[in-house]
Protein backbone atom coordinates (compact mmCIF):
# COMPACT_ATOMS: atom_id res chain seq x y z
CA MET A 1 -104.81 -37.02 -23.33
CA LYS A 2 -106.55 -34.70 -20.74
CA ALA A 3 -106.47 -30.72 -21.35
CA LYS A 4 -104.04 -30.32 -18.57
CA GLU A 5 -101.63 -33.01 -19.87
CA ILE A 6 -102.24 -31.27 -23.36
CA GLN A 7 -101.03 -27.44 -22.37
CA GLU A 8 -97.93 -29.11 -20.75
CA LEU A 9 -96.85 -30.55 -23.85
CA ILE A 10 -97.66 -27.35 -25.29
CA ASP A 11 -95.62 -25.18 -22.53
CA PHE A 12 -92.62 -27.56 -22.87
CA ILE A 13 -92.92 -27.71 -27.04
CA ALA A 14 -92.66 -23.58 -26.60
CA LYS A 15 -89.81 -23.63 -24.02
CA SER A 16 -87.81 -25.92 -26.21
CA GLY A 17 -87.74 -24.18 -29.89
CA LEU A 18 -89.33 -26.77 -31.41
CA ASN A 19 -91.19 -25.45 -34.74
CA LYS A 20 -93.42 -28.47 -34.99
CA VAL A 21 -93.78 -32.31 -32.95
CA ASP A 22 -96.42 -34.88 -34.18
CA ILE A 23 -97.26 -37.49 -31.63
CA GLU A 24 -99.75 -40.21 -33.01
CA THR A 25 -101.60 -42.64 -30.29
CA GLU A 26 -103.94 -45.81 -31.33
CA GLU A 27 -106.20 -43.44 -29.31
CA PHE A 28 -105.42 -40.15 -30.89
CA LYS A 29 -103.43 -38.24 -33.18
CA ILE A 30 -101.33 -35.06 -32.05
CA SER A 31 -99.69 -32.05 -34.07
CA VAL A 32 -98.30 -29.20 -32.40
CA GLU A 33 -96.75 -26.47 -34.63
CA ARG A 34 -95.85 -22.85 -34.35
CA GLU A 35 -97.02 -20.19 -36.38
CA ALA A 36 -95.54 -17.26 -37.87
CA SER A 37 -96.31 -15.11 -34.91
CA GLN A 38 -94.84 -17.39 -32.59
CA LYS A 39 -98.25 -18.98 -31.10
CA VAL A 40 -98.71 -22.73 -30.03
CA LYS A 41 -101.33 -24.16 -31.81
CA PHE A 42 -103.06 -27.16 -31.49
CA VAL A 43 -104.39 -29.98 -34.00
CA SER A 44 -106.04 -32.94 -33.05
CA GLY A 45 -108.11 -35.64 -35.18
CA ALA A 46 -109.56 -38.62 -33.25
CA ALA A 47 -108.90 -37.63 -29.37
CA PRO A 48 -110.51 -38.50 -26.42
CA ALA A 49 -113.19 -35.88 -25.24
CA ALA A 50 -111.06 -34.84 -22.89
CA ALA A 51 -108.77 -33.22 -25.36
CA SER A 52 -111.75 -30.38 -26.26
CA ALA A 53 -111.86 -28.86 -22.93
CA PRO A 54 -110.99 -25.22 -23.46
CA ALA A 55 -107.02 -24.22 -22.41
CA PRO A 56 -104.90 -21.11 -22.68
CA GLN A 57 -103.38 -21.39 -26.20
CA ILE A 58 -104.98 -24.46 -27.61
CA SER A 59 -107.67 -24.05 -30.28
CA ALA A 60 -110.37 -26.46 -30.51
CA PRO A 61 -109.92 -29.80 -32.10
CA ALA A 62 -110.68 -30.21 -35.64
CA PRO A 63 -110.02 -33.17 -37.44
CA LEU A 64 -107.30 -33.66 -40.10
CA PRO A 65 -106.87 -35.75 -42.65
CA ALA A 66 -102.78 -34.94 -43.00
CA ALA A 67 -100.66 -33.26 -40.59
CA ALA A 68 -100.76 -29.46 -41.47
CA PRO A 69 -98.12 -27.86 -43.53
CA ALA A 70 -95.04 -26.15 -41.13
CA ALA A 71 -95.14 -22.52 -40.99
CA PRO A 72 -92.08 -20.89 -41.29
CA ALA A 73 -90.33 -19.59 -38.09
CA ALA A 74 -90.31 -15.72 -37.69
CA PRO A 75 -87.05 -14.00 -37.41
CA ALA A 76 -86.93 -12.52 -33.56
CA GLN A 77 -85.31 -9.34 -34.07
CA PRO A 78 -86.85 -6.98 -31.97
CA ALA A 79 -89.72 -3.83 -33.76
CA ALA A 80 -88.33 -1.21 -31.34
CA GLU A 81 -84.83 -1.44 -32.16
CA ASP A 82 -83.26 -0.28 -35.51
CA THR A 83 -81.27 -3.03 -36.64
CA SER A 84 -80.76 -2.27 -40.23
CA LYS A 85 -77.31 -0.69 -39.29
CA TYR A 86 -76.01 -4.64 -38.64
CA ILE A 87 -75.35 -7.35 -40.41
CA THR A 88 -77.43 -10.72 -39.37
CA ILE A 89 -74.83 -13.83 -39.36
CA LYS A 90 -77.16 -16.89 -40.08
CA ALA A 91 -76.73 -20.45 -39.45
CA PRO A 92 -75.47 -22.29 -42.68
CA MET A 93 -77.87 -25.19 -41.63
CA ILE A 94 -80.42 -27.32 -39.69
CA GLY A 95 -78.69 -28.69 -36.16
CA THR A 96 -78.03 -27.62 -32.74
CA LEU A 97 -76.02 -24.47 -31.60
CA TYR A 98 -73.64 -24.37 -29.36
CA ARG A 99 -71.49 -21.61 -28.45
CA SER A 100 -68.78 -23.15 -26.92
CA SER A 101 -66.50 -26.37 -27.83
CA ASN A 102 -67.47 -28.09 -24.24
CA PRO A 103 -70.09 -27.34 -21.30
CA GLU A 104 -66.79 -25.97 -19.47
CA SER A 105 -65.46 -23.89 -22.09
CA PRO A 106 -66.04 -20.12 -22.47
CA ALA A 107 -68.72 -19.12 -25.24
CA PHE A 108 -66.93 -18.48 -28.72
CA VAL A 109 -68.31 -15.36 -28.50
CA ASN A 110 -70.28 -12.89 -26.68
CA VAL A 111 -72.31 -9.68 -26.87
CA GLY A 112 -69.37 -6.63 -27.19
CA ASP A 113 -66.32 -9.19 -28.52
CA GLU A 114 -64.85 -7.78 -31.92
CA VAL A 115 -64.49 -10.87 -34.23
CA LYS A 116 -62.79 -11.37 -37.91
CA LYS A 117 -64.14 -12.85 -40.65
CA GLY A 118 -63.37 -16.61 -40.63
CA GLN A 119 -63.28 -16.42 -36.88
CA VAL A 120 -65.25 -19.56 -34.92
CA ILE A 121 -68.35 -18.03 -33.61
CA CYS A 122 -70.39 -21.19 -32.74
CA ILE A 123 -70.29 -24.94 -33.15
CA ILE A 124 -73.79 -26.33 -35.21
CA GLU A 125 -73.82 -30.04 -34.47
CA ALA A 126 -76.02 -31.69 -37.57
CA MET A 127 -76.05 -35.86 -37.57
CA LYS A 128 -73.83 -36.26 -34.90
CA LEU A 129 -71.55 -33.76 -36.98
CA PHE A 130 -69.74 -30.84 -34.97
CA ASN A 131 -69.69 -28.17 -38.01
CA GLU A 132 -67.50 -25.06 -36.96
CA ILE A 133 -69.46 -21.67 -37.98
CA GLU A 134 -67.35 -18.67 -39.04
CA SER A 135 -67.90 -15.25 -38.95
CA GLU A 136 -68.67 -13.86 -43.07
CA VAL A 137 -67.99 -10.30 -41.73
CA SER A 138 -65.34 -8.40 -39.12
CA GLY A 139 -67.21 -5.87 -36.60
CA ARG A 140 -68.36 -6.17 -33.06
CA ILE A 141 -70.89 -8.49 -31.83
CA VAL A 142 -73.76 -6.43 -30.66
CA LYS A 143 -76.69 -9.81 -30.37
CA VAL A 144 -77.07 -12.74 -29.44
CA LEU A 145 -80.35 -14.46 -30.62
CA VAL A 146 -80.05 -17.70 -30.30
CA GLU A 147 -79.49 -19.75 -27.03
CA ASN A 148 -77.07 -22.10 -26.27
CA ALA A 149 -77.67 -25.80 -26.89
CA SER A 150 -81.12 -25.09 -29.07
CA PRO A 151 -81.99 -26.10 -32.30
CA VAL A 152 -82.11 -23.76 -34.94
CA GLU A 153 -82.75 -24.01 -38.58
CA TYR A 154 -81.60 -22.91 -42.13
CA ASP A 155 -80.63 -19.12 -41.98
CA GLN A 156 -82.26 -18.68 -38.83
CA PRO A 157 -80.55 -15.43 -37.60
CA LEU A 158 -78.15 -16.17 -34.88
CA PHE A 159 -75.64 -12.96 -34.46
CA LEU A 160 -76.16 -9.40 -35.03
CA VAL A 161 -72.66 -7.66 -35.66
CA ASP A 162 -71.63 -4.13 -36.12
CA PRO A 163 -69.18 -3.95 -39.21
CA SER A 164 -68.26 -0.25 -38.30
């Protein structure tokens, strides 16, 4: 695998929101994972010589006896804003988040919408089951932290709600 192909793979993974991808062939093994600082790290064992060419955001290949442990994802909250007065609605499960019931329908909630406790705010698909996620609090949606049709992890922040 050439350095350009590796960089394209890393860029794809960074845009997809996945935290870890392992690829193994007869010739090489690649493990790409996000660290807590949201940087993308490349680790390879027994890769062809072309993979050792330096490229942005790629560390030098290092042989690995086993895959590196996954680093926890850092919450995507900006440091500049004071979010302490807001309540965070978090993902109750792992899956794919959808903001509407189908692609043609409007989103369940948008920034500025008032929500009530028990109101459906999104859907998380897990193992081919579509689970309606209800708001745990009443208030106004201040920020949507996850894009539509993106993977989410357990306890990942999804929405910020102003309870006042």
